[in-house]
Protein backbone atom coordinates (compact mmCIF):
# COMPACT_ATOMS: atom_id res chain seq x y z
CA MET A 1 -18.48 -7.23 -32.66
CA ASN A 2 -18.39 -10.77 -31.29
CA TYR A 3 -16.21 -11.86 -28.36
CA THR A 4 -17.14 -15.53 -28.03
CA LYS A 5 -13.40 -16.20 -27.60
CA ALA A 6 -13.62 -14.42 -24.22
CA LEU A 7 -16.16 -17.02 -23.05
CA ASN A 8 -14.03 -20.16 -23.21
CA ASN A 9 -14.45 -20.94 -19.48
CA PRO A 10 -17.22 -23.58 -18.98
CA ILE A 11 -18.92 -21.34 -16.39
CA PHE A 12 -20.24 -19.04 -19.13
CA LYS A 13 -22.14 -21.88 -20.84
CA ILE A 14 -23.59 -22.83 -17.45
CA ILE A 15 -24.73 -19.23 -16.79
CA ALA A 16 -26.20 -19.07 -20.31
CA GLN A 17 -28.11 -22.33 -19.73
CA ALA A 18 -29.40 -21.09 -16.34
CA GLY A 19 -30.60 -17.83 -17.91
CA GLN A 20 -32.35 -19.75 -20.69
CA GLU A 21 -34.15 -22.04 -18.20
CA LEU A 22 -35.29 -19.02 -16.17
CA ASN A 23 -36.07 -16.96 -19.26
CA LEU A 24 -33.64 -14.29 -17.95
CA GLU A 25 -31.24 -12.33 -20.11
CA SER A 26 -27.70 -12.28 -18.70
CA TYR A 27 -24.45 -10.49 -19.52
CA VAL A 28 -20.88 -10.57 -18.25
CA ILE A 29 -19.89 -6.96 -17.60
CA GLY A 30 -17.15 -4.72 -16.24
CA GLY A 31 -13.59 -5.62 -15.33
CA PHE A 32 -13.54 -9.10 -16.88
CA VAL A 33 -14.51 -7.71 -20.30
CA ARG A 34 -12.15 -4.73 -20.01
CA ASP A 35 -9.17 -6.85 -19.00
CA PHE A 36 -9.84 -9.49 -21.68
CA ILE A 37 -9.76 -6.81 -24.39
CA LEU A 38 -6.61 -5.29 -22.87
CA GLU A 39 -5.05 -8.79 -22.65
CA ARG A 40 -4.40 -8.26 -18.95
CA ASP A 41 -4.08 -11.10 -16.45
CA PHE A 42 -7.48 -12.43 -15.38
CA LYS A 43 -8.14 -11.33 -11.78
CA LYS A 44 -10.31 -14.35 -10.88
CA ASP A 45 -13.56 -12.46 -10.45
CA ILE A 46 -16.49 -12.04 -12.84
CA ASP A 47 -19.53 -9.75 -12.66
CA VAL A 48 -22.76 -10.97 -14.23
CA VAL A 49 -25.83 -8.77 -14.65
CA ALA A 50 -29.28 -10.28 -15.16
CA LEU A 51 -32.42 -8.59 -16.50
CA GLY A 52 -34.38 -9.75 -13.47
CA SER A 53 -33.22 -11.37 -10.24
CA GLY A 54 -29.47 -11.86 -9.94
CA ILE A 55 -30.06 -13.96 -6.84
CA GLU A 56 -32.41 -16.32 -8.70
CA LEU A 57 -29.86 -16.68 -11.51
CA ALA A 58 -27.05 -17.48 -9.04
CA LEU A 59 -29.14 -20.18 -7.34
CA LYS A 60 -29.97 -21.77 -10.71
CA VAL A 61 -26.28 -21.68 -11.77
CA SER A 62 -25.34 -23.45 -8.53
CA GLU A 63 -27.91 -26.17 -9.27
CA LEU A 64 -26.32 -26.80 -12.68
CA ILE A 65 -22.78 -27.19 -11.32
CA PRO A 66 -22.04 -30.81 -10.26
CA ASN A 67 -20.81 -30.02 -6.72
CA LYS A 68 -23.49 -27.29 -6.24
CA PRO A 69 -21.29 -24.56 -4.70
CA LYS A 70 -22.75 -22.54 -1.85
CA VAL A 71 -24.42 -19.28 -2.88
CA GLN A 72 -23.88 -16.26 -0.66
CA VAL A 73 -26.97 -14.06 -0.85
CA PHE A 74 -26.95 -10.35 0.00
CA LYS A 75 -30.68 -9.54 -0.02
CA ASN A 76 -30.21 -5.89 0.96
CA TYR A 77 -28.14 -5.32 -2.18
CA GLY A 78 -30.00 -7.73 -4.44
CA THR A 79 -26.76 -9.57 -5.19
CA ALA A 80 -25.41 -13.09 -4.82
CA MET A 81 -22.00 -14.68 -5.12
CA LEU A 82 -20.65 -18.16 -5.69
CA ARG A 83 -17.23 -19.66 -6.23
CA TYR A 84 -16.61 -21.84 -9.29
CA LYS A 85 -13.25 -23.58 -9.02
CA ASP A 86 -10.99 -20.61 -8.23
CA ILE A 87 -13.25 -17.89 -9.66
CA ASP A 88 -15.59 -15.62 -7.67
CA ILE A 89 -18.73 -14.79 -9.64
CA GLU A 90 -21.08 -12.01 -8.51
CA PHE A 91 -24.62 -11.85 -9.83
CA VAL A 92 -26.74 -8.71 -9.75
CA GLY A 93 -30.05 -7.72 -11.26
CA ALA A 94 -29.90 -4.85 -13.76
CA ARG A 95 -30.76 -1.66 -11.91
CA LYS A 96 -30.88 2.08 -12.05
CA GLU A 97 -29.66 4.19 -9.17
CA SER A 98 -30.29 7.61 -7.66
CA TYR A 99 -28.36 9.23 -4.83
CA LEU A 100 -28.96 11.51 -1.86
CA GLN A 101 -26.51 14.39 -1.35
CA GLU A 102 -25.16 13.16 1.98
CA SER A 103 -24.58 9.50 1.05
CA ARG A 104 -22.87 7.38 -1.60
CA ASN A 105 -25.35 4.54 -0.96
CA PRO A 106 -27.81 4.61 -3.88
CA ILE A 107 -31.58 4.26 -3.98
CA VAL A 108 -31.94 1.23 -6.25
CA GLU A 109 -34.73 0.29 -8.66
CA ASN A 110 -35.00 -2.53 -11.19
CA GLY A 111 -33.81 -1.41 -14.60
CA THR A 112 -32.76 -2.33 -18.09
CA LEU A 113 -29.28 -3.26 -19.30
CA GLU A 114 -28.97 0.33 -20.51
CA ASP A 115 -29.86 1.62 -17.02
CA ASP A 116 -27.24 -0.69 -15.54
CA GLN A 117 -24.56 0.46 -17.96
CA ASN A 118 -25.50 4.11 -17.26
CA ARG A 119 -24.72 3.64 -13.56
CA ARG A 120 -21.22 2.28 -14.23
CA ASP A 121 -18.31 4.48 -13.25
CA PHE A 122 -16.36 4.56 -16.55
CA THR A 123 -17.03 3.74 -20.19
CA ILE A 124 -14.31 1.07 -20.11
CA ASN A 125 -16.16 -0.64 -17.22
CA ALA A 126 -19.59 -0.45 -18.94
CA LEU A 127 -18.64 -2.96 -21.67
CA ALA A 128 -20.80 -6.09 -21.61
CA ILE A 129 -20.78 -9.42 -23.46
CA SER A 130 -24.07 -11.24 -24.09
CA LEU A 131 -24.59 -14.69 -22.59
CA ASN A 132 -27.93 -15.12 -24.40
CA LYS A 133 -28.52 -17.80 -27.06
CA ALA A 134 -29.34 -15.51 -30.01
CA THR A 135 -26.53 -13.00 -29.34
CA TYR A 136 -23.99 -15.11 -27.44
CA GLY A 137 -20.60 -13.34 -27.38
CA ASP A 138 -21.84 -10.02 -28.79
CA LEU A 139 -20.25 -6.90 -27.30
CA ILE A 140 -22.67 -4.27 -26.01
CA ASP A 141 -20.85 -0.94 -25.97
CA PRO A 142 -23.24 2.05 -25.71
CA PHE A 143 -20.57 4.57 -24.66
CA ASN A 144 -17.73 3.74 -27.06
CA GLY A 145 -15.78 2.10 -24.26
CA LEU A 146 -13.86 0.02 -26.79
CA GLU A 147 -12.63 3.21 -28.45
CA ASP A 148 -11.65 4.62 -25.04
CA LEU A 149 -9.69 1.44 -24.33
CA GLN A 150 -7.85 1.85 -27.62
CA ASN A 151 -7.21 5.55 -26.90
CA LYS A 152 -6.16 4.77 -23.30
CA CYS A 153 -8.72 7.17 -21.88
CA ILE A 154 -10.67 7.19 -18.59
CA LYS A 155 -14.08 8.77 -19.21
CA THR A 156 -17.44 8.63 -17.40
CA PRO A 157 -20.53 7.33 -19.27
CA LEU A 158 -22.62 10.31 -18.16
CA ASN A 159 -21.84 13.89 -17.07
CA PRO A 160 -18.72 13.53 -14.87
CA ASP A 161 -20.08 16.03 -12.30
CA ILE A 162 -23.08 13.74 -11.74
CA THR A 163 -20.96 10.56 -11.73
CA TYR A 164 -18.49 11.94 -9.17
CA SER A 165 -20.98 13.77 -6.99
CA ASP A 166 -23.23 10.70 -6.79
CA ASP A 167 -20.38 8.45 -5.65
CA PRO A 168 -17.24 10.47 -4.79
CA LEU A 169 -15.16 7.31 -4.43
CA ARG A 170 -15.25 7.19 -8.24
CA MET A 171 -12.82 10.13 -8.25
CA MET A 172 -10.27 7.92 -6.49
CA ARG A 173 -11.13 5.02 -8.79
CA ALA A 174 -10.56 7.16 -11.90
CA ILE A 175 -7.09 8.00 -10.66
CA ARG A 176 -6.42 4.42 -9.61
CA PHE A 177 -7.39 3.03 -13.03
CA ALA A 178 -5.31 5.70 -14.78
CA THR A 179 -2.33 4.60 -12.66
CA GLN A 180 -2.89 0.85 -13.05
CA LEU A 181 -3.51 0.98 -16.80
CA ASN A 182 -1.24 3.93 -17.59
CA PHE A 183 -4.25 5.71 -19.15
CA ASP A 184 -5.04 9.41 -19.33
CA ILE A 185 -8.09 10.86 -17.58
CA GLU A 186 -10.28 12.85 -19.96
CA GLN A 187 -9.72 16.59 -19.36
CA GLU A 188 -13.36 17.35 -18.53
CA SER A 189 -13.32 14.46 -16.08
CA LEU A 190 -10.17 15.79 -14.37
CA ILE A 191 -11.74 19.24 -14.03
CA ALA A 192 -14.90 17.65 -12.60
CA ILE A 193 -12.81 15.80 -9.97
CA GLU A 194 -11.31 19.12 -8.86
CA ARG A 195 -14.79 20.70 -8.77
CA ASN A 196 -16.22 17.88 -6.69
CA LYS A 197 -13.22 17.14 -4.46
CA GLU A 198 -14.96 18.22 -1.23
CA ARG A 199 -17.52 15.46 -1.78
CA LEU A 200 -14.76 13.01 -0.78
CA ASN A 201 -15.52 13.96 2.83
CA ILE A 202 -18.52 11.59 2.85
CA ILE A 203 -16.29 8.61 2.01
CA SER A 204 -14.92 6.45 4.86
CA GLY A 205 -11.20 6.27 5.55
CA GLU A 206 -11.24 2.52 4.92
CA ARG A 207 -12.51 2.95 1.34
CA ILE A 208 -10.05 5.75 0.62
CA VAL A 209 -7.16 3.64 1.94
CA ASP A 210 -8.28 0.69 -0.19
CA GLU A 211 -7.84 2.87 -3.29
CA LEU A 212 -4.54 4.31 -2.00
CA ASN A 213 -3.26 0.78 -1.46
CA LYS A 214 -4.17 -0.13 -5.03
CA ILE A 215 -2.38 2.98 -6.32
CA LEU A 216 0.66 2.14 -4.18
CA SER A 217 0.59 -1.42 -5.56
CA THR A 218 1.08 -0.25 -9.16
CA ASP A 219 4.40 -0.12 -11.02
CA LYS A 220 4.55 3.69 -10.88
CA PRO A 221 2.45 5.12 -8.01
CA SER A 222 3.68 8.68 -8.67
CA ILE A 223 1.23 8.89 -11.61
CA GLY A 224 -1.68 8.49 -9.19
CA PHE A 225 -0.27 10.73 -6.47
CA LEU A 226 0.36 13.53 -8.95
CA HIS A 227 -3.27 13.28 -10.12
CA LEU A 228 -4.40 13.29 -6.48
CA TYR A 229 -2.25 16.35 -5.85
CA LYS A 230 -3.30 18.32 -8.94
CA THR A 231 -7.02 17.68 -8.37
CA GLY A 232 -6.83 18.73 -4.70
CA LEU A 233 -7.77 15.30 -3.35
CA LEU A 234 -4.36 14.68 -1.76
CA GLU A 235 -4.66 17.81 0.37
CA LEU A 236 -7.88 16.35 1.83
CA ILE A 237 -6.40 12.87 2.38
CA LEU A 238 -2.73 13.44 3.27
CA PRO A 239 -2.07 17.14 3.98
CA GLU A 240 1.18 16.05 5.68
CA LEU A 241 2.43 14.98 2.23
CA THR A 242 1.33 18.08 0.30
CA ALA A 243 3.03 20.24 2.96
CA LEU A 244 6.34 18.94 1.57
CA ASN A 245 5.72 20.72 -1.74
CA ASN A 246 7.23 23.97 -0.52
CA VAL A 247 10.75 25.06 -1.44
CA GLU A 248 12.10 28.09 0.43
CA GLU A 249 15.15 30.22 -0.24
CA VAL A 250 17.08 32.15 2.40
CA GLU A 251 20.27 34.03 1.58
CA GLY A 252 20.68 32.06 -1.62
CA HIS A 253 20.21 28.69 0.15
CA THR A 254 17.40 26.40 -1.01
CA HIS A 255 16.47 22.85 -0.11
CA LYS A 256 15.18 20.11 -2.42
CA ASN A 257 11.46 19.70 -3.04
CA ASN A 258 10.68 16.89 -0.61
CA PHE A 259 7.26 16.19 -2.16
CA TYR A 260 8.61 15.30 -5.60
CA HIS A 261 11.58 13.57 -3.94
CA THR A 262 9.12 11.39 -1.98
CA LEU A 263 7.25 10.37 -5.13
CA GLU A 264 10.57 9.45 -6.74
CA VAL A 265 11.48 7.31 -3.71
CA VAL A 266 8.13 5.50 -3.92
CA ASP A 267 8.67 4.77 -7.63
CA ASN A 268 12.26 3.67 -6.92
CA ILE A 269 11.21 1.12 -4.31
CA CYS A 270 8.50 -0.55 -6.41
CA PRO A 271 10.77 -2.80 -8.54
CA ASN A 272 12.31 -4.16 -5.32
CA THR A 273 9.25 -4.91 -3.18
CA GLU A 274 5.56 -5.71 -3.54
CA ASP A 275 4.99 -5.12 0.18
CA VAL A 276 2.43 -2.31 0.29
CA TRP A 277 3.47 -1.39 3.87
CA LEU A 278 7.09 -0.88 2.83
CA ARG A 279 5.72 1.31 0.03
CA TRP A 280 3.72 3.22 2.66
CA ALA A 281 6.97 3.72 4.58
CA ALA A 282 8.54 5.18 1.43
CA LEU A 283 5.54 7.51 1.04
CA LEU A 284 5.74 8.73 4.65
CA HIS A 285 9.50 8.62 5.26
CA ASP A 286 9.98 12.41 4.99
CA ILE A 287 6.66 13.75 6.34
CA GLY A 288 8.43 15.07 9.44
CA LYS A 289 10.50 17.45 7.31
CA ALA A 290 7.87 20.17 6.89
CA PRO A 291 7.35 20.84 10.64
CA THR A 292 11.07 20.46 11.54
CA LYS A 293 12.48 22.67 8.76
CA LYS A 294 14.81 25.40 10.04
CA PHE A 295 17.50 27.64 8.57
CA ASN A 296 20.72 28.79 10.18
CA LYS A 297 23.77 30.43 8.61
CA LYS A 298 26.22 27.71 9.66
CA GLN A 299 24.35 24.62 8.47
CA GLY A 300 21.85 26.07 6.01
CA TRP A 301 18.53 24.18 5.96
CA THR A 302 18.12 21.48 8.60
CA PHE A 303 15.41 18.95 9.43
CA HIS A 304 16.66 17.76 12.83
CA GLY A 305 14.55 14.98 14.36
CA HIS A 306 12.27 14.68 11.32
CA GLU A 307 12.45 10.88 11.43
CA PHE A 308 11.25 10.65 15.04
CA LEU A 309 8.47 13.19 14.46
CA GLY A 310 7.58 11.41 11.21
CA GLY A 311 7.02 8.20 13.17
CA LYS A 312 4.56 10.02 15.44
CA MET A 313 2.83 11.62 12.46
CA ALA A 314 2.49 8.20 10.79
CA LYS A 315 0.45 6.99 13.76
CA LYS A 316 -1.91 9.99 13.52
CA ILE A 317 -2.38 9.33 9.79
CA PHE A 318 -3.17 5.65 10.45
CA GLU A 319 -5.69 6.65 13.12
CA ARG A 320 -7.34 9.32 10.97
CA LEU A 321 -7.73 7.04 7.94
CA HIS A 322 -8.79 4.03 10.06
CA MET A 323 -5.78 2.01 8.96
CA PRO A 324 -4.61 -1.04 10.97
CA LEU A 325 -3.12 0.02 14.33
CA ASN A 326 -1.18 -3.21 14.74
CA ASN A 327 2.15 -4.60 13.57
CA LYS A 328 1.62 -2.88 10.18
CA LEU A 329 1.72 0.53 11.86
CA LYS A 330 4.69 -0.50 14.02
CA PHE A 331 6.57 -1.62 10.91
CA VAL A 332 5.89 1.66 9.05
CA GLN A 333 6.86 3.69 12.13
CA LYS A 334 10.10 1.75 12.55
CA MET A 335 11.00 2.25 8.88
CA VAL A 336 10.26 6.01 9.07
CA ILE A 337 12.16 6.49 12.34
CA MET A 338 15.19 4.54 11.10
CA SER A 339 15.06 5.77 7.49
CA SER A 340 18.28 7.83 7.72
CA ARG A 341 20.41 5.35 9.63
CA PRO A 342 21.82 3.31 6.71
CA ILE A 343 22.27 6.51 4.68
CA VAL A 344 24.49 7.95 7.42
CA LEU A 345 26.44 4.67 7.41
CA ALA A 346 26.83 4.84 3.63
CA GLN A 347 28.32 8.32 3.92
CA ASP A 348 31.01 7.32 6.41
CA THR A 349 33.50 4.53 6.89
CA VAL A 350 31.41 1.44 7.59
CA THR A 351 32.43 0.04 10.99
CA ASP A 352 31.39 -3.30 12.43
CA SER A 353 29.99 -1.67 15.56
CA ALA A 354 27.76 0.73 13.58
CA VAL A 355 26.43 -2.16 11.48
CA ARG A 356 25.92 -4.26 14.62
CA ARG A 357 23.78 -1.49 16.15
CA LEU A 358 21.81 -1.11 12.92
CA VAL A 359 21.02 -4.83 12.83
CA PHE A 360 20.18 -4.84 16.55
CA ASP A 361 17.73 -1.92 16.22
CA ALA A 362 16.15 -3.04 12.93
CA GLY A 363 15.98 -6.76 13.78
CA ASP A 364 14.28 -8.85 11.10
CA ASP A 365 13.32 -5.69 9.21
CA VAL A 366 16.91 -4.70 8.40
CA ASP A 367 16.66 -5.90 4.80
CA ASP A 368 13.49 -3.87 4.23
CA LEU A 369 15.20 -0.85 5.78
CA MET A 370 18.11 -1.21 3.38
CA THR A 371 15.68 -1.47 0.45
CA LEU A 372 13.98 1.75 1.57
CA CYS A 373 17.25 3.61 1.99
CA GLU A 374 18.59 2.56 -1.39
CA ALA A 375 15.37 3.88 -2.96
CA ASP A 376 15.95 7.14 -1.06
CA ILE A 377 19.07 7.92 -3.11
CA THR A 378 17.69 10.28 -5.76
CA THR A 379 20.76 12.43 -6.41
CA LYS A 380 21.28 13.27 -10.07
CA ASN A 381 25.06 13.52 -9.52
CA PRO A 382 26.38 10.25 -11.04
CA THR A 383 29.53 10.25 -8.88
CA LYS A 384 27.54 10.65 -5.65
CA PHE A 385 24.94 8.11 -6.81
CA LYS A 386 27.63 5.50 -7.52
CA LYS A 387 29.44 6.20 -4.25
CA TYR A 388 26.25 5.79 -2.16
CA HIS A 389 25.30 2.53 -3.84
CA ASN A 390 28.83 1.14 -3.57
CA ASN A 391 28.77 1.94 0.14
CA PHE A 392 25.34 0.31 0.49
CA ASP A 393 26.83 -2.84 -1.03
CA ILE A 394 29.54 -2.70 1.64
CA VAL A 395 26.91 -2.21 4.37
CA ARG A 396 24.91 -5.21 3.09
CA LYS A 397 28.03 -7.41 3.12
CA LYS A 398 28.91 -6.20 6.62
CA ILE A 399 25.38 -7.05 7.80
CA ILE A 400 25.86 -10.65 6.62
CA GLU A 401 29.32 -10.88 8.22
CA VAL A 402 28.24 -9.36 11.54
CA GLU A 403 25.10 -11.49 11.70
CA GLU A 404 27.04 -14.71 11.05
CA LYS A 405 29.59 -13.78 13.69
CA ASP A 406 27.53 -12.08 16.42
CA HIS A 407 23.89 -13.16 15.87
CA VAL A 408 22.47 -9.77 16.88
CA ARG A 409 19.38 -9.78 14.66
CA GLN A 410 17.43 -11.67 17.34
CA PHE A 411 19.67 -10.54 20.18
CA GLN A 412 19.47 -12.44 23.45
CA PRO A 413 22.12 -11.67 26.10
CA PRO A 414 24.45 -14.66 26.52
CA ILE A 415 24.16 -14.29 30.28
CA SER A 416 20.69 -13.79 31.77
CA GLY A 417 19.50 -11.52 34.55
CA GLU A 418 18.71 -14.57 36.70
CA GLU A 419 22.28 -15.82 36.36
CA ILE A 420 23.65 -12.40 37.31
CA MET A 421 21.40 -12.34 40.41
CA GLN A 422 22.67 -15.79 41.46
CA LEU A 423 26.27 -14.81 40.70
CA PHE A 424 26.16 -11.90 43.15
CA ASN A 425 23.33 -13.09 45.40
CA LEU A 426 21.17 -10.13 44.44
CA LYS A 427 17.43 -9.53 44.20
CA PRO A 428 15.97 -7.68 41.17
CA SER A 429 17.60 -4.27 41.29
CA ARG A 430 18.98 -1.38 39.26
CA GLU A 431 22.44 -2.97 39.27
CA ILE A 432 21.15 -6.06 37.40
CA GLY A 433 19.74 -3.84 34.66
CA MET A 434 23.00 -1.88 34.48
CA LEU A 435 25.07 -5.06 34.09
CA LYS A 436 22.76 -6.48 31.40
CA GLU A 437 22.88 -3.18 29.51
CA ALA A 438 26.69 -3.07 29.82
CA VAL A 439 26.97 -6.57 28.33
CA LYS A 440 24.70 -5.59 25.42
CA GLU A 441 26.69 -2.39 24.74
CA ALA A 442 30.02 -4.24 24.92
CA ILE A 443 28.82 -6.80 22.35
CA LEU A 444 27.41 -4.12 20.03
CA ASP A 445 30.62 -2.11 20.30
CA GLY A 446 32.67 -5.23 19.50
CA LYS A 447 34.53 -5.16 22.82
CA ILE A 448 33.51 -8.76 23.52
CA PRO A 449 32.07 -11.49 21.26
CA ASN A 450 28.45 -12.57 21.71
CA GLU A 451 29.47 -15.64 23.73
CA TYR A 452 28.76 -16.85 27.26
CA GLU A 453 32.37 -17.07 28.55
CA ALA A 454 33.27 -13.58 27.36
CA ALA A 455 30.06 -12.15 28.81
CA TYR A 456 30.66 -13.94 32.14
CA GLU A 457 34.18 -12.50 32.48
CA PHE A 458 32.94 -9.05 31.44
CA VAL A 459 30.17 -9.11 34.09
CA LEU A 460 32.70 -10.06 36.79
CA SER A 461 35.00 -7.16 35.92
CA ARG A 462 32.15 -4.65 35.55
CA ALA A 463 30.59 -5.80 38.86
CA GLN A 464 33.86 -5.03 40.66
CA LYS A 465 33.60 -1.41 39.50
CA LEU A 466 30.07 -1.30 40.97
CA GLY A 467 31.38 -2.69 44.25
CA LEU A 468 29.61 -6.04 43.90
CA GLN A 469 31.15 -9.22 45.27
CA LYS A 470 30.73 -12.66 43.75
CA ALA A 471 28.64 -14.90 45.99
CA ASP A 472 30.28 -17.98 47.55
CA ASN A 473 28.90 -21.21 46.12
């Protein structure tokens, strides 16, 4: 089968010419071929395999391009990369690989195209298109990858136990591709993942998180997380999440399954945000519920303080998986800790003061918080569902009104601590802090507007109650 139509970018003719001049066979392989056949958006990266030195081929390709782009050489891996216009092209020599039990880093030897296709993770990623003069555009498909693409099936080229044991990250990749492409994983492959799950322990947190982020970035992450759960991988990666899959009954009282609820929340939020960290917040928003779960006869099941504990647990997860301990963590923690606040508002009469406090505490992240909380409404009762969302609409309108009127999103007190010290001839003291806090609370409660004159008069009256006298000017 010929796929010359896939090679309409001028770079392929240049690579073909370079290979001919060096007497090297070359092939485009992997994701580019797969996505072209699936008619998916081109991801701006191309993998080229050479029967010989990939580095030599990359250098020759650079010579043939008018502006001679810089070639990045990775001698240890036998690979090279260059950028052509807005496309990253990686060149590698065909190779065969063998693995040691304690490492996913292979022992590499030069090999044939067949050897190189054997080492690929999945049949759909082993498809290659010839860039050689006599066979230009021909599809090389030794494992029926084309058929697997048509059948929407993730399958390993070789025995899945060997594929997954050699490089355990491939277990995560199988699940990620199944989620991204909405494919099924071959049954034997799924069983092999479960058999080899403990091998994931040799994989770094950074690589695991990279795959989790890609799963979370799909249209329906629950597909991937259910595969992770059923194969036992999720218990190794996020035991805090699997702990939620436990429904108890006491005296006829049960609580909802917070694991499946969480996956529904993650799916719900995806149409409304592409921010992977907000999606992480959705994934972790209820993790504090397992350790805080209690039953009493008056209230039934309770999860008091689960948001605050969940924020602490989020930090431990980020540390364990070597995730960024910066503003990304702070954002996820804030979302988890505040995740119930708008829901409580949506249950009650929406007051200006409650909205003011919400905006003050959430700051610039208030819109993201509202997006999270709307996704958190998973009730199947249509009356309740409609009521919650109607109330959320009211909350959103109130946020706009309150922000226009009181400017609390980036709250700065209208009267500063320095002015208060001058007003009463005071040095830094507890009283200054008390007066500043009183002004803030009065504005948030709506007792005074967020304006200088009102704050000035309020400070004078509150200072009298503290026994402070205005200084003579």
